[in-house]
Amino acid sequence: MKHLRALAIAILLAAGAGAGYYHYKNPEKLTLDASARSAAGAPGAYATLSDGVTHYEAAGSADGRVAVLVHGFSVPSYIWDPTFAALRDAGYRVIRYDLYGRGLSDRPDAAYDGALYDKQLDDLLAALKVSGPVDLFGLSFGGYVTAHYASTHPQRVRTLNLVDPSNTAPTLPWQFSTPLLGPYLFQVGAVPTMADNQAGDFLHPEQFPGWAERYRPQMQYHGFGRALYRSRLNLAHTDFDAIYATIARNGTPVQLIWGKQDPVIPVAQSARLRKAMPALEYFEIDQSGHLPQMEQAAVFNQRMLAYLTAHP
């Protein structure tokens, strides 16, 4: 009996210590609501969609050709700043938005799989009264989001533009794929360091001072880590070959752009996409890490606009 009592006390102490450590390490202290969004003062607007509120920004000619920009794994839509401005100034109607769980969009208790992201984009286009095909841009994890959408909604995609895209299912350590333990370890281990790790996307991070501080505010809202964890868990079970085979079969025009010195998703991985979608057009940008649209914006924009012009 004494042994059972001692074991119960030990379990309670361990649980209390774990809960205390979680509270200490977890940066999420606030609820993302209308007042929080108002205080943030971010440009753009908000659309209430079927799975939650989505923060977006639209600019350019109201009757212009529509381009939609989808950001990466965790940095919100501001990561497209130079591209957004270039498309707007070129006469396009350009739309960028925060994926669920990121930026100032809601963090629903959802699977964070391709179906959720498909629905978010579909709902947003409907809310903005965009009925025709769009030029779709996907950066990094957004490359998965947009490729998935192009494979399931080929009639909605005029061109698919992939930038240093996620293209392989990651292998997760057993502890991260274990129920309860995985989300806990991700929240106390990975999430708190997210902002400081973003500089590693650049070849020359010194050219982007304040990058981590711009990222940090989104981390304070409940549900941020859960969205990232579930997104990564879903990515680990994604069949990229099937997605690319569908896109190739549908004949969707694809442009693939890669930063030559990408330290996150090495440029050698471009071979996989080029083999899977032989008709795509490939362009490599030198002196650029994972974010060529920022580090070499002039080169990127010139190539981007030329490709869109060639595919009216």
C-alpha atoms as a PDB file:
ATOM      1  CA  MET A   1       0.000   0.000   0.000  1.00  0.00           C
ATOM      2  CA  LYS A   2       2.850   2.354   0.875  1.00  0.00           C
ATOM      3  CA  HIS A   3       4.476   1.637  -2.473  1.00  0.00           C
ATOM      4  CA  LEU A   4       1.272   2.509  -4.338  1.00  0.00           C
ATOM      5  CA  ARG A   5       0.937   5.725  -2.351  1.00  0.00           C
ATOM      6  CA  ALA A   6       4.533   6.662  -3.131  1.00  0.00           C
ATOM      7  CA  LEU A   7       4.004   5.898  -6.803  1.00  0.00           C
ATOM      8  CA  ALA A   8       0.858   8.034  -6.893  1.00  0.00           C
ATOM      9  CA  ILE A   9       2.690  10.925  -5.237  1.00  0.00           C
ATOM     10  CA  ALA A  10       5.570  10.608  -7.707  1.00  0.00           C
ATOM     11  CA  ILE A  11       3.154  10.645 -10.640  1.00  0.00           C
ATOM     12  CA  LEU A  12       1.370  13.710  -9.286  1.00  0.00           C
ATOM     13  CA  LEU A  13       4.648  15.530  -8.721  1.00  0.00           C
ATOM     14  CA  ALA A  14       5.846  14.649 -12.238  1.00  0.00           C
ATOM     15  CA  ALA A  15       2.547  15.805 -13.738  1.00  0.00           C
ATOM     16  CA  GLY A  16       2.716  19.052 -11.783  1.00  0.00           C
ATOM     17  CA  ALA A  17       6.297  19.659 -12.857  1.00  0.00           C
ATOM     18  CA  GLY A  18       5.389  18.934 -16.480  1.00  0.00           C
ATOM     19  CA  ALA A  19       2.442  21.317 -16.368  1.00  0.00           C
ATOM     20  CA  GLY A  20       4.565  24.028 -14.771  1.00  0.00           C
ATOM     21  CA  TYR A  21       7.305  23.627 -17.375  1.00  0.00           C
ATOM     22  CA  TYR A  22       4.693  23.755 -20.150  1.00  0.00           C
ATOM     23  CA  HIS A  23       3.271  27.000 -18.785  1.00  0.00           C
ATOM     24  CA  TYR A  24       6.767  28.474 -18.478  1.00  0.00           C
ATOM     25  CA  LYS A  25       7.967  27.540 -21.966  1.00  0.00           C
ATOM     26  CA  ASN A  26       4.749  27.980 -23.940  1.00  0.00           C
ATOM     27  CA  PRO A  27       4.653  31.494 -25.491  1.00  0.00           C
ATOM     28  CA  GLU A  28       0.900  31.289 -26.159  1.00  0.00           C
ATOM     29  CA  LYS A  29      -0.816  33.417 -23.505  1.00  0.00           C
ATOM     30  CA  LEU A  30      -3.520  35.301 -25.423  1.00  0.00           C
ATOM     31  CA  THR A  31      -6.691  34.594 -27.395  1.00  0.00           C
ATOM     32  CA  LEU A  32      -6.820  35.831 -30.982  1.00  0.00           C
ATOM     33  CA  ASP A  33     -10.092  37.760 -31.263  1.00  0.00           C
ATOM     34  CA  ALA A  34     -11.426  40.957 -32.819  1.00  0.00           C
ATOM     35  CA  SER A  35      -9.854  43.194 -30.189  1.00  0.00           C
ATOM     36  CA  ALA A  36      -6.454  41.523 -30.595  1.00  0.00           C
ATOM     37  CA  ARG A  37      -6.645  41.951 -34.351  1.00  0.00           C
ATOM     38  CA  SER A  38      -7.599  45.608 -33.976  1.00  0.00           C
ATOM     39  CA  ALA A  39      -4.670  46.195 -31.633  1.00  0.00           C
ATOM     40  CA  ALA A  40      -2.282  44.494 -34.079  1.00  0.00           C
ATOM     41  CA  GLY A  41      -3.088  47.127 -36.698  1.00  0.00           C
ATOM     42  CA  ALA A  42      -1.991  44.958 -39.620  1.00  0.00           C
ATOM     43  CA  PRO A  43      -2.844  46.031 -43.183  1.00  0.00           C
ATOM     44  CA  GLY A  44      -5.546  44.177 -45.057  1.00  0.00           C
ATOM     45  CA  ALA A  45      -8.939  42.871 -44.014  1.00  0.00           C
ATOM     46  CA  TYR A  46     -10.689  39.839 -42.537  1.00  0.00           C
ATOM     47  CA  ALA A  47     -13.086  37.306 -44.024  1.00  0.00           C
ATOM     48  CA  THR A  48     -15.220  35.001 -41.897  1.00  0.00           C
ATOM     49  CA  LEU A  49     -14.991  31.641 -43.645  1.00  0.00           C
ATOM     50  CA  SER A  50     -16.493  28.265 -42.828  1.00  0.00           C
ATOM     51  CA  ASP A  51     -13.576  27.196 -40.587  1.00  0.00           C
ATOM     52  CA  GLY A  52     -12.752  30.586 -39.077  1.00  0.00           C
ATOM     53  CA  VAL A  53     -11.610  34.134 -39.693  1.00  0.00           C
ATOM     54  CA  THR A  54      -8.906  34.608 -42.326  1.00  0.00           C
ATOM     55  CA  HIS A  55      -6.640  37.629 -42.525  1.00  0.00           C
ATOM     56  CA  TYR A  56      -5.938  38.659 -46.124  1.00  0.00           C
ATOM     57  CA  GLU A  57      -4.741  41.587 -48.202  1.00  0.00           C
ATOM     58  CA  ALA A  58      -5.832  42.389 -51.755  1.00  0.00           C
ATOM     59  CA  ALA A  59      -4.532  45.090 -54.068  1.00  0.00           C
ATOM     60  CA  GLY A  60      -4.327  46.081 -57.714  1.00  0.00           C
ATOM     61  CA  SER A  61      -6.870  46.417 -60.472  1.00  0.00           C
ATOM     62  CA  ALA A  62     -10.324  45.133 -59.520  1.00  0.00           C
ATOM     63  CA  ASP A  63     -10.710  43.564 -62.975  1.00  0.00           C
ATOM     64  CA  GLY A  64      -7.072  42.483 -63.328  1.00  0.00           C
ATOM     65  CA  ARG A  65      -5.791  38.968 -63.743  1.00  0.00           C
ATOM     66  CA  VAL A  66      -5.833  37.351 -60.290  1.00  0.00           C
ATOM     67  CA  ALA A  67      -2.669  36.095 -58.563  1.00  0.00           C
ATOM     68  CA  VAL A  68      -2.819  34.399 -55.158  1.00  0.00           C
ATOM     69  CA  LEU A  69       0.221  34.099 -52.873  1.00  0.00           C
ATOM     70  CA  VAL A  70       0.478  31.319 -50.264  1.00  0.00           C
ATOM     71  CA  HIS A  71       3.211  31.575 -47.631  1.00  0.00           C
ATOM     72  CA  GLY A  72       5.327  28.860 -46.046  1.00  0.00           C
ATOM     73  CA  PHE A  73       5.203  26.722 -42.922  1.00  0.00           C
ATOM     74  CA  SER A  74       5.027  29.422 -40.286  1.00  0.00           C
ATOM     75  CA  VAL A  75       6.013  32.901 -41.544  1.00  0.00           C
ATOM     76  CA  PRO A  76       2.747  34.700 -42.437  1.00  0.00           C
ATOM     77  CA  SER A  77       1.811  36.410 -45.683  1.00  0.00           C
ATOM     78  CA  TYR A  78       4.163  39.372 -45.224  1.00  0.00           C
ATOM     79  CA  ILE A  79       6.883  37.060 -46.510  1.00  0.00           C
ATOM     80  CA  TRP A  80       5.550  37.950 -49.985  1.00  0.00           C
ATOM     81  CA  ASP A  81       6.063  41.732 -49.606  1.00  0.00           C
ATOM     82  CA  PRO A  82       8.240  42.304 -52.732  1.00  0.00           C
ATOM     83  CA  THR A  83       6.163  39.938 -54.912  1.00  0.00           C
ATOM     84  CA  PHE A  84       2.880  41.443 -53.743  1.00  0.00           C
ATOM     85  CA  ALA A  85       4.071  44.939 -54.670  1.00  0.00           C
ATOM     86  CA  ALA A  86       5.459  43.830 -58.062  1.00  0.00           C
ATOM     87  CA  LEU A  87       2.222  42.110 -59.107  1.00  0.00           C
ATOM     88  CA  ARG A  88       0.109  45.039 -57.912  1.00  0.00           C
ATOM     89  CA  ASP A  89       2.229  47.519 -59.844  1.00  0.00           C
ATOM     90  CA  ALA A  90       2.058  45.314 -62.954  1.00  0.00           C
ATOM     91  CA  GLY A  91      -1.740  45.548 -63.006  1.00  0.00           C
ATOM     92  CA  TYR A  92      -2.640  42.229 -61.424  1.00  0.00           C
ATOM     93  CA  ARG A  93      -5.291  41.775 -58.791  1.00  0.00           C
ATOM     94  CA  VAL A  94      -3.066  40.185 -56.153  1.00  0.00           C
ATOM     95  CA  ILE A  95      -4.268  38.422 -53.009  1.00  0.00           C
ATOM     96  CA  ARG A  96      -2.234  37.103 -50.105  1.00  0.00           C
ATOM     97  CA  TYR A  97      -3.531  35.585 -46.897  1.00  0.00           C
ATOM     98  CA  ASP A  98      -2.489  33.918 -43.646  1.00  0.00           C
ATOM     99  CA  LEU A  99      -3.057  30.180 -43.524  1.00  0.00           C
ATOM    100  CA  TYR A 100      -5.122  28.963 -40.587  1.00  0.00           C
ATOM    101  CA  GLY A 101      -2.979  28.858 -37.467  1.00  0.00           C
ATOM    102  CA  ARG A 102      -0.601  31.571 -38.637  1.00  0.00           C
ATOM    103  CA  GLY A 103      -0.447  35.344 -38.553  1.00  0.00           C
ATOM    104  CA  LEU A 104      -3.809  36.876 -37.716  1.00  0.00           C
ATOM    105  CA  SER A 105      -5.970  34.040 -39.038  1.00  0.00           C
ATOM    106  CA  ASP A 106      -7.925  31.812 -36.665  1.00  0.00           C
ATOM    107  CA  ARG A 107      -6.401  28.663 -35.193  1.00  0.00           C
ATOM    108  CA  PRO A 108      -9.254  26.109 -35.496  1.00  0.00           C
ATOM    109  CA  ASP A 109      -9.052  22.732 -33.763  1.00  0.00           C
ATOM    110  CA  ALA A 110      -8.656  20.920 -37.088  1.00  0.00           C
ATOM    111  CA  ALA A 111      -6.493  18.370 -38.896  1.00  0.00           C
ATOM    112  CA  TYR A 112      -4.440  20.970 -40.824  1.00  0.00           C
ATOM    113  CA  ASP A 113      -4.379  18.764 -43.893  1.00  0.00           C
ATOM    114  CA  GLY A 114      -4.765  19.414 -47.594  1.00  0.00           C
ATOM    115  CA  ALA A 115      -8.557  19.389 -47.373  1.00  0.00           C
ATOM    116  CA  LEU A 116      -8.553  22.190 -44.777  1.00  0.00           C
ATOM    117  CA  TYR A 117      -6.210  24.373 -46.830  1.00  0.00           C
ATOM    118  CA  ASP A 118      -8.174  23.659 -50.024  1.00  0.00           C
ATOM    119  CA  LYS A 119     -11.352  24.757 -48.301  1.00  0.00           C
ATOM    120  CA  GLN A 120      -9.771  27.913 -46.892  1.00  0.00           C
ATOM    121  CA  LEU A 121      -8.608  29.004 -50.333  1.00  0.00           C
ATOM    122  CA  ASP A 122     -11.932  28.073 -51.963  1.00  0.00           C
ATOM    123  CA  ASP A 123     -13.872  29.973 -49.310  1.00  0.00           C
ATOM    124  CA  LEU A 124     -11.637  33.033 -49.598  1.00  0.00           C
ATOM    125  CA  LEU A 125     -11.936  33.191 -53.383  1.00  0.00           C
ATOM    126  CA  ALA A 126     -15.715  32.912 -53.062  1.00  0.00           C
ATOM    127  CA  ALA A 127     -15.781  35.660 -50.419  1.00  0.00           C
ATOM    128  CA  LEU A 128     -13.759  37.934 -52.722  1.00  0.00           C
ATOM    129  CA  LYS A 129     -15.966  37.018 -55.687  1.00  0.00           C
ATOM    130  CA  VAL A 130     -13.137  35.479 -57.697  1.00  0.00           C
ATOM    131  CA  SER A 131     -14.752  32.986 -60.046  1.00  0.00           C
ATOM    132  CA  GLY A 132     -12.180  32.439 -62.791  1.00  0.00           C
ATOM    133  CA  PRO A 133      -8.803  30.678 -62.764  1.00  0.00           C
ATOM    134  CA  VAL A 134      -5.939  32.205 -60.793  1.00  0.00           C
ATOM    135  CA  ASP A 135      -2.159  32.268 -60.953  1.00  0.00           C
ATOM    136  CA  LEU A 136      -1.223  30.398 -57.790  1.00  0.00           C
ATOM    137  CA  PHE A 137       2.083  30.928 -55.967  1.00  0.00           C
ATOM    138  CA  GLY A 138       3.333  28.629 -53.214  1.00  0.00           C
ATOM    139  CA  LEU A 139       6.483  29.161 -51.155  1.00  0.00           C
ATOM    140  CA  SER A 140       8.072  26.306 -49.186  1.00  0.00           C
ATOM    141  CA  PHE A 141       5.185  24.641 -47.251  1.00  0.00           C
ATOM    142  CA  GLY A 142       2.924  26.787 -49.417  1.00  0.00           C
ATOM    143  CA  GLY A 143       4.299  24.742 -52.295  1.00  0.00           C
ATOM    144  CA  TYR A 144       2.568  21.740 -50.780  1.00  0.00           C
ATOM    145  CA  VAL A 145      -0.637  23.725 -50.123  1.00  0.00           C
ATOM    146  CA  THR A 146      -0.819  25.070 -53.683  1.00  0.00           C
ATOM    147  CA  ALA A 147       0.209  21.809 -55.357  1.00  0.00           C
ATOM    148  CA  HIS A 148      -2.504  19.998 -53.404  1.00  0.00           C
ATOM    149  CA  TYR A 149      -5.039  22.609 -54.478  1.00  0.00           C
ATOM    150  CA  ALA A 150      -3.911  22.421 -58.115  1.00  0.00           C
ATOM    151  CA  SER A 151      -4.296  18.635 -58.054  1.00  0.00           C
ATOM    152  CA  THR A 152      -7.846  18.819 -56.686  1.00  0.00           C
ATOM    153  CA  HIS A 153      -9.035  22.021 -58.417  1.00  0.00           C
ATOM    154  CA  PRO A 154      -7.303  22.077 -61.827  1.00  0.00           C
ATOM    155  CA  GLN A 155     -10.045  24.246 -63.332  1.00  0.00           C
ATOM    156  CA  ARG A 156      -9.257  27.010 -60.825  1.00  0.00           C
ATOM    157  CA  VAL A 157      -5.514  27.236 -61.572  1.00  0.00           C
ATOM    158  CA  ARG A 158      -4.172  29.086 -64.614  1.00  0.00           C
ATOM    159  CA  THR A 159      -0.520  28.623 -63.625  1.00  0.00           C
ATOM    160  CA  LEU A 160       1.149  27.017 -60.613  1.00  0.00           C
ATOM    161  CA  ASN A 161       4.305  28.789 -59.420  1.00  0.00           C
ATOM    162  CA  LEU A 162       6.363  26.845 -56.878  1.00  0.00           C
ATOM    163  CA  VAL A 163       9.187  28.527 -54.954  1.00  0.00           C
ATOM    164  CA  ASP A 164      11.611  26.274 -53.023  1.00  0.00           C
ATOM    165  CA  PRO A 165       8.635  23.983 -52.296  1.00  0.00           C
ATOM    166  CA  SER A 166       8.263  21.280 -49.679  1.00  0.00           C
ATOM    167  CA  ASN A 167       8.319  18.096 -51.748  1.00  0.00           C
ATOM    168  CA  THR A 168       9.065  15.124 -49.515  1.00  0.00           C
ATOM    169  CA  ALA A 169       7.313  13.655 -46.489  1.00  0.00           C
ATOM    170  CA  PRO A 170       9.496  14.358 -43.424  1.00  0.00           C
ATOM    171  CA  THR A 171      10.452  11.549 -41.070  1.00  0.00           C
ATOM    172  CA  LEU A 172       9.346  12.373 -37.540  1.00  0.00           C
ATOM    173  CA  PRO A 173      11.152  10.994 -34.474  1.00  0.00           C
ATOM    174  CA  TRP A 174       8.977   8.483 -32.638  1.00  0.00           C
ATOM    175  CA  GLN A 175       8.475  10.806 -29.685  1.00  0.00           C
ATOM    176  CA  PHE A 176       7.028  13.560 -31.891  1.00  0.00           C
ATOM    177  CA  SER A 177       4.534  11.186 -33.498  1.00  0.00           C
ATOM    178  CA  THR A 178       3.381   9.789 -30.167  1.00  0.00           C
ATOM    179  CA  PRO A 179      -0.053  11.016 -28.986  1.00  0.00           C
ATOM    180  CA  LEU A 180       0.073  13.468 -26.047  1.00  0.00           C
ATOM    181  CA  LEU A 181       3.868  13.272 -25.812  1.00  0.00           C
ATOM    182  CA  GLY A 182       4.417  14.604 -29.351  1.00  0.00           C
ATOM    183  CA  PRO A 183       2.336  17.781 -29.023  1.00  0.00           C
ATOM    184  CA  TYR A 184       3.822  18.454 -25.576  1.00  0.00           C
ATOM    185  CA  LEU A 185       7.433  18.135 -26.739  1.00  0.00           C
ATOM    186  CA  PHE A 186       6.761  20.228 -29.841  1.00  0.00           C
ATOM    187  CA  GLN A 187       5.128  22.985 -27.804  1.00  0.00           C
ATOM    188  CA  VAL A 188       7.875  23.244 -25.169  1.00  0.00           C
ATOM    189  CA  GLY A 189      10.826  22.392 -27.400  1.00  0.00           C
ATOM    190  CA  ALA A 190      10.229  23.622 -30.952  1.00  0.00           C
ATOM    191  CA  VAL A 191       7.706  26.446 -30.670  1.00  0.00           C
ATOM    192  CA  PRO A 192       9.625  28.774 -28.280  1.00  0.00           C
ATOM    193  CA  THR A 193      12.620  28.910 -30.650  1.00  0.00           C
ATOM    194  CA  MET A 194      10.621  29.418 -33.854  1.00  0.00           C
ATOM    195  CA  ALA A 195      11.241  33.158 -34.202  1.00  0.00           C
ATOM    196  CA  ASP A 196      14.985  32.996 -33.634  1.00  0.00           C
ATOM    197  CA  ASN A 197      15.375  30.157 -36.136  1.00  0.00           C
ATOM    198  CA  GLN A 198      13.855  32.091 -39.051  1.00  0.00           C
ATOM    199  CA  ALA A 199      17.119  33.852 -39.928  1.00  0.00           C
ATOM    200  CA  GLY A 200      18.413  30.488 -41.142  1.00  0.00           C
ATOM    201  CA  ASP A 201      16.217  30.807 -44.232  1.00  0.00           C
ATOM    202  CA  PHE A 202      18.501  33.506 -45.631  1.00  0.00           C
ATOM    203  CA  LEU A 203      21.876  33.289 -47.277  1.00  0.00           C
ATOM    204  CA  HIS A 204      22.581  36.779 -45.892  1.00  0.00           C
ATOM    205  CA  PRO A 205      20.430  37.219 -42.763  1.00  0.00           C
ATOM    206  CA  GLU A 206      22.256  40.426 -41.863  1.00  0.00           C
ATOM    207  CA  GLN A 207      20.353  42.111 -44.680  1.00  0.00           C
ATOM    208  CA  PHE A 208      17.048  41.501 -42.879  1.00  0.00           C
ATOM    209  CA  PRO A 209      17.324  43.001 -39.388  1.00  0.00           C
ATOM    210  CA  GLY A 210      14.249  42.674 -37.215  1.00  0.00           C
ATOM    211  CA  TRP A 211      13.038  39.562 -39.051  1.00  0.00           C
ATOM    212  CA  ALA A 212      12.620  37.552 -35.834  1.00  0.00           C
ATOM    213  CA  GLU A 213      10.799  40.389 -34.080  1.00  0.00           C
ATOM    214  CA  ARG A 214       8.332  40.697 -36.936  1.00  0.00           C
ATOM    215  CA  TYR A 215       7.576  36.990 -36.598  1.00  0.00           C
ATOM    216  CA  ARG A 216       7.220  36.869 -32.823  1.00  0.00           C
ATOM    217  CA  PRO A 217       3.744  38.472 -32.250  1.00  0.00           C
ATOM    218  CA  GLN A 218       1.822  35.564 -33.836  1.00  0.00           C
ATOM    219  CA  MET A 219       3.375  33.180 -31.306  1.00  0.00           C
ATOM    220  CA  GLN A 220       1.455  34.690 -28.380  1.00  0.00           C
ATOM    221  CA  TYR A 221      -1.978  33.455 -29.515  1.00  0.00           C
ATOM    222  CA  HIS A 222      -3.377  30.098 -28.442  1.00  0.00           C
ATOM    223  CA  GLY A 223      -3.345  27.422 -31.141  1.00  0.00           C
ATOM    224  CA  PHE A 224      -0.211  28.503 -33.021  1.00  0.00           C
ATOM    225  CA  GLY A 225       1.911  25.505 -32.015  1.00  0.00           C
ATOM    226  CA  ARG A 226      -0.979  23.074 -32.439  1.00  0.00           C
ATOM    227  CA  ALA A 227      -1.464  24.233 -36.036  1.00  0.00           C
ATOM    228  CA  LEU A 228       2.233  23.806 -36.840  1.00  0.00           C
ATOM    229  CA  TYR A 229       2.457  20.428 -35.126  1.00  0.00           C
ATOM    230  CA  ARG A 230      -0.561  19.026 -36.946  1.00  0.00           C
ATOM    231  CA  SER A 231       0.641  20.472 -40.250  1.00  0.00           C
ATOM    232  CA  ARG A 232       3.949  18.680 -39.846  1.00  0.00           C
ATOM    233  CA  LEU A 233       2.225  15.474 -38.783  1.00  0.00           C
ATOM    234  CA  ASN A 234       0.039  15.596 -41.890  1.00  0.00           C
ATOM    235  CA  LEU A 235       3.012  16.365 -44.132  1.00  0.00           C
ATOM    236  CA  ALA A 236       4.702  13.189 -42.896  1.00  0.00           C
ATOM    237  CA  HIS A 237       1.867  11.178 -44.465  1.00  0.00           C
ATOM    238  CA  THR A 238       1.592  13.090 -47.751  1.00  0.00           C
ATOM    239  CA  ASP A 239       2.018  11.302 -51.073  1.00  0.00           C
ATOM    240  CA  PHE A 240       3.784  13.988 -53.091  1.00  0.00           C
ATOM    241  CA  ASP A 241       4.302  11.684 -56.073  1.00  0.00           C
ATOM    242  CA  ALA A 242       0.545  11.266 -56.459  1.00  0.00           C
ATOM    243  CA  ILE A 243       0.007  15.034 -56.247  1.00  0.00           C
ATOM    244  CA  TYR A 244       2.627  15.787 -58.910  1.00  0.00           C
ATOM    245  CA  ALA A 245       1.402  12.993 -61.182  1.00  0.00           C
ATOM    246  CA  THR A 246      -2.095  14.483 -61.092  1.00  0.00           C
ATOM    247  CA  ILE A 247      -0.820  17.977 -61.907  1.00  0.00           C
ATOM    248  CA  ALA A 248       1.215  16.634 -64.832  1.00  0.00           C
ATOM    249  CA  ARG A 249      -1.744  14.632 -66.101  1.00  0.00           C
ATOM    250  CA  ASN A 250      -4.001  17.701 -65.929  1.00  0.00           C
ATOM    251  CA  GLY A 251      -1.547  19.744 -67.991  1.00  0.00           C
ATOM    252  CA  THR A 252      -1.400  22.663 -65.559  1.00  0.00           C
ATOM    253  CA  PRO A 253       1.464  25.040 -66.520  1.00  0.00           C
ATOM    254  CA  VAL A 254       4.056  24.908 -63.733  1.00  0.00           C
ATOM    255  CA  GLN A 255       6.964  27.224 -63.001  1.00  0.00           C
ATOM    256  CA  LEU A 256       9.586  26.096 -60.488  1.00  0.00           C
ATOM    257  CA  ILE A 257      11.963  28.655 -58.947  1.00  0.00           C
ATOM    258  CA  TRP A 258      14.712  27.731 -56.486  1.00  0.00           C
ATOM    259  CA  GLY A 259      17.326  29.595 -54.474  1.00  0.00           C
ATOM    260  CA  LYS A 260      20.658  28.053 -55.431  1.00  0.00           C
ATOM    261  CA  GLN A 261      22.051  28.188 -51.882  1.00  0.00           C
ATOM    262  CA  ASP A 262      18.860  27.102 -50.094  1.00  0.00           C
ATOM    263  CA  PRO A 263      19.936  25.637 -46.708  1.00  0.00           C
ATOM    264  CA  VAL A 264      16.426  24.451 -45.794  1.00  0.00           C
ATOM    265  CA  ILE A 265      15.307  22.525 -48.885  1.00  0.00           C
ATOM    266  CA  PRO A 266      18.434  21.906 -50.988  1.00  0.00           C
ATOM    267  CA  VAL A 267      18.295  22.803 -54.658  1.00  0.00           C
ATOM    268  CA  ALA A 268      19.136  19.180 -55.542  1.00  0.00           C
ATOM    269  CA  GLN A 269      15.558  18.301 -54.600  1.00  0.00           C
ATOM    270  CA  SER A 270      14.371  20.199 -57.672  1.00  0.00           C
ATOM    271  CA  ALA A 271      15.279  17.101 -59.699  1.00  0.00           C
ATOM    272  CA  ARG A 272      12.369  15.230 -58.161  1.00  0.00           C
ATOM    273  CA  LEU A 273       9.803  17.770 -59.310  1.00  0.00           C
ATOM    274  CA  ARG A 274      11.355  18.161 -62.746  1.00  0.00           C
ATOM    275  CA  LYS A 275      11.151  14.407 -63.256  1.00  0.00           C
ATOM    276  CA  ALA A 276       7.578  14.191 -61.966  1.00  0.00           C
ATOM    277  CA  MET A 277       6.361  17.160 -64.049  1.00  0.00           C
ATOM    278  CA  PRO A 278       8.572  17.161 -67.166  1.00  0.00           C
ATOM    279  CA  ALA A 279       6.797  20.082 -68.814  1.00  0.00           C
ATOM    280  CA  LEU A 280       7.519  22.558 -66.016  1.00  0.00           C
ATOM    281  CA  GLU A 281       9.836  25.530 -66.526  1.00  0.00           C
ATOM    282  CA  TYR A 282      12.739  25.686 -64.082  1.00  0.00           C
ATOM    283  CA  PHE A 283      14.718  28.718 -62.982  1.00  0.00           C
ATOM    284  CA  GLU A 284      17.529  28.786 -60.434  1.00  0.00           C
ATOM    285  CA  ILE A 285      18.443  32.010 -58.637  1.00  0.00           C
ATOM    286  CA  ASP A 286      22.043  32.433 -57.501  1.00  0.00           C
ATOM    287  CA  GLN A 287      23.044  34.167 -54.269  1.00  0.00           C
ATOM    288  CA  SER A 288      19.809  33.203 -52.585  1.00  0.00           C
ATOM    289  CA  GLY A 289      18.808  30.971 -49.712  1.00  0.00           C
ATOM    290  CA  HIS A 290      15.317  29.630 -49.045  1.00  0.00           C
ATOM    291  CA  LEU A 291      13.562  32.916 -49.868  1.00  0.00           C
ATOM    292  CA  PRO A 292      14.636  34.046 -53.363  1.00  0.00           C
ATOM    293  CA  GLN A 293      11.579  36.310 -53.668  1.00  0.00           C
ATOM    294  CA  MET A 294      13.153  38.429 -50.906  1.00  0.00           C
ATOM    295  CA  GLU A 295      16.916  37.998 -51.254  1.00  0.00           C
ATOM    296  CA  GLN A 296      16.914  38.455 -55.031  1.00  0.00           C
ATOM    297  CA  ALA A 297      13.599  40.253 -55.500  1.00  0.00           C
ATOM    298  CA  ALA A 298      14.499  42.012 -58.755  1.00  0.00           C
ATOM    299  CA  VAL A 299      15.620  38.784 -60.469  1.00  0.00           C
ATOM    300  CA  PHE A 300      12.664  36.872 -59.070  1.00  0.00           C
ATOM    301  CA  ASN A 301      10.092  39.454 -60.150  1.00  0.00           C
ATOM    302  CA  GLN A 302      11.494  39.724 -63.654  1.00  0.00           C
ATOM    303  CA  ARG A 303      11.313  35.963 -64.117  1.00  0.00           C
ATOM    304  CA  MET A 304       7.877  35.717 -62.521  1.00  0.00           C
ATOM    305  CA  LEU A 305       6.294  38.403 -64.667  1.00  0.00           C
ATOM    306  CA  ALA A 306       7.881  37.045 -67.844  1.00  0.00           C
ATOM    307  CA  TYR A 307       6.427  33.600 -67.150  1.00  0.00           C
ATOM    308  CA  LEU A 308       2.955  34.964 -66.476  1.00  0.00           C
ATOM    309  CA  THR A 309       3.096  37.030 -69.678  1.00  0.00           C
ATOM    310  CA  ALA A 310       4.038  33.910 -71.626  1.00  0.00           C
ATOM    311  CA  HIS A 311       0.953  32.119 -70.245  1.00  0.00           C
ATOM    312  CA  PRO A 312      -1.935  34.516 -70.841  1.00  0.00           C
END
